[in-house]
Amino acid sequence: MNWPAIWLAWESGGSILRPIQPRSRSCCAGGWSWHEPEPLWLATAEDVILHKLYWNRITPSDRQLGDVAGVVQVQRGKLDEDYLRHWAGQLGVTPELEAALSGRLKPKQT
């Protein structure tokens, strides 16, 4: 089995690396003349949120938090909040997640 190139890393009783593949979605990338089409794995909105919150914990950045707020805003009503809260607790980013879900974090302005 080919795993996606995106990995979510966190510490919980030691160093653990887990692929985000279990929630990722597959679609078929277009074929190239030298290669047959292959599946392209796309992260879910929930995993993008968790990844950015975790990355923000490692290297604090308004950009990461603004991105999280933007994803929450666009995906509001479609997010699996139970999944988000479970993994936010495991990753130690619950306060930031709750700020995003409540609207206290604002998307970045471009």
Protein backbone atom coordinates (compact mmCIF):
# COMPACT_ATOMS: atom_id res chain seq x y z
CA MET A 1 0.00 0.00 0.00
CA ASN A 2 1.29 3.46 -0.89
CA TRP A 3 0.94 5.99 1.91
CA PRO A 4 0.40 9.67 1.20
CA ALA A 5 3.27 12.09 1.43
CA ILE A 6 1.49 14.05 4.17
CA TRP A 7 2.05 12.92 7.73
CA LEU A 8 0.66 14.26 10.97
CA ALA A 9 3.12 13.97 13.84
CA TRP A 10 2.45 14.36 17.53
CA GLU A 11 3.67 13.24 20.91
CA SER A 12 1.48 11.19 23.22
CA GLY A 13 3.37 8.85 25.49
CA GLY A 14 6.31 9.01 23.15
CA SER A 15 6.92 9.97 19.58
CA ILE A 16 4.16 8.77 17.27
CA LEU A 17 3.83 9.31 13.54
CA ARG A 18 0.51 8.56 11.93
CA PRO A 19 -0.57 9.03 8.35
CA ILE A 20 -3.67 11.07 7.70
CA GLN A 21 -4.68 8.54 5.06
CA PRO A 22 -7.53 6.94 7.00
CA ARG A 23 -9.62 10.10 6.47
CA SER A 24 -8.06 11.23 3.20
CA ARG A 25 -9.97 11.07 -0.05
CA SER A 26 -8.68 9.57 -3.25
CA CYS A 27 -9.21 10.89 -6.72
CA CYS A 28 -7.49 10.00 -9.92
CA ALA A 29 -4.75 12.28 -11.20
CA GLY A 30 -4.58 12.70 -14.95
CA GLY A 31 -2.32 10.38 -16.89
CA TRP A 32 0.94 11.43 -18.41
CA SER A 33 2.35 10.06 -21.61
CA TRP A 34 4.94 8.00 -19.71
CA HIS A 35 2.74 6.97 -16.82
CA GLU A 36 -0.72 5.60 -16.11
CA PRO A 37 -3.06 7.64 -13.88
CA GLU A 38 -2.47 7.08 -10.18
CA PRO A 39 -4.57 7.89 -7.13
CA LEU A 40 -4.02 11.31 -5.64
CA TRP A 41 -4.66 11.44 -1.89
CA LEU A 42 -6.24 14.61 -0.57
CA ALA A 43 -6.41 15.50 3.12
CA THR A 44 -9.80 16.26 4.64
CA ALA A 45 -10.58 19.72 5.99
CA GLU A 46 -10.42 18.28 9.52
CA ASP A 47 -6.89 16.96 9.01
CA VAL A 48 -5.72 20.22 7.46
CA ILE A 49 -7.07 22.05 10.53
CA LEU A 50 -5.36 19.66 12.94
CA HIS A 51 -2.08 19.75 11.03
CA LYS A 52 -2.01 23.55 10.99
CA LEU A 53 -2.90 23.78 14.69
CA TYR A 54 -0.15 21.33 15.55
CA TRP A 55 2.35 23.16 13.34
CA ASN A 56 1.37 26.40 15.07
CA ARG A 57 2.16 24.76 18.41
CA ILE A 58 5.68 23.92 17.18
CA THR A 59 6.34 27.30 15.52
CA PRO A 60 3.67 29.87 16.47
CA SER A 61 2.40 31.76 13.45
CA ASP A 62 -0.57 34.00 12.78
CA ARG A 63 -0.58 32.56 9.27
CA GLN A 64 -1.35 29.02 10.50
CA LEU A 65 -4.13 30.27 12.76
CA GLY A 66 -5.57 32.45 9.99
CA ASP A 67 -5.56 29.46 7.65
CA VAL A 68 -7.37 27.37 10.27
CA ALA A 69 -10.00 30.08 10.71
CA GLY A 70 -10.46 30.25 6.93
CA VAL A 71 -10.98 26.50 6.58
CA VAL A 72 -13.45 26.53 9.49
CA GLN A 73 -15.33 29.43 7.92
CA VAL A 74 -15.60 27.77 4.50
CA GLN A 75 -16.44 24.31 5.90
CA ARG A 76 -18.78 25.42 8.72
CA GLY A 77 -21.56 22.90 9.20
CA LYS A 78 -19.65 20.19 7.31
CA LEU A 79 -16.86 19.52 9.82
CA ASP A 80 -16.71 16.42 12.00
CA GLU A 81 -16.34 18.31 15.28
CA ASP A 82 -16.20 15.14 17.38
CA TYR A 83 -13.17 13.98 15.37
CA LEU A 84 -11.60 17.44 15.61
CA ARG A 85 -12.08 17.63 19.39
CA HIS A 86 -10.78 14.12 19.94
CA TRP A 87 -7.55 14.69 18.04
CA ALA A 88 -7.12 18.27 19.26
CA GLY A 89 -7.04 16.82 22.77
CA GLN A 90 -4.43 14.25 21.72
CA LEU A 91 -2.34 16.96 20.06
CA GLY A 92 -2.68 19.51 22.85
CA VAL A 93 -4.35 22.14 20.66
CA THR A 94 -7.87 22.18 22.13
CA PRO A 95 -7.88 25.89 23.12
CA GLU A 96 -6.89 26.93 19.60
CA LEU A 97 -9.46 24.61 18.01
CA GLU A 98 -12.23 25.93 20.24
CA ALA A 99 -11.22 29.50 19.37
CA ALA A 100 -11.48 28.63 15.68
CA LEU A 101 -14.81 26.82 16.01
CA SER A 102 -16.32 29.65 18.06
CA GLY A 103 -15.24 32.28 15.54
CA ARG A 104 -12.76 33.99 17.89
CA LEU A 105 -10.00 33.26 15.35
CA LYS A 106 -10.44 35.29 12.19
CA PRO A 107 -9.34 34.27 8.69
CA LYS A 108 -6.35 36.09 7.30
CA GLN A 109 -7.17 39.01 5.06
CA THR A 110 -5.57 39.01 1.63
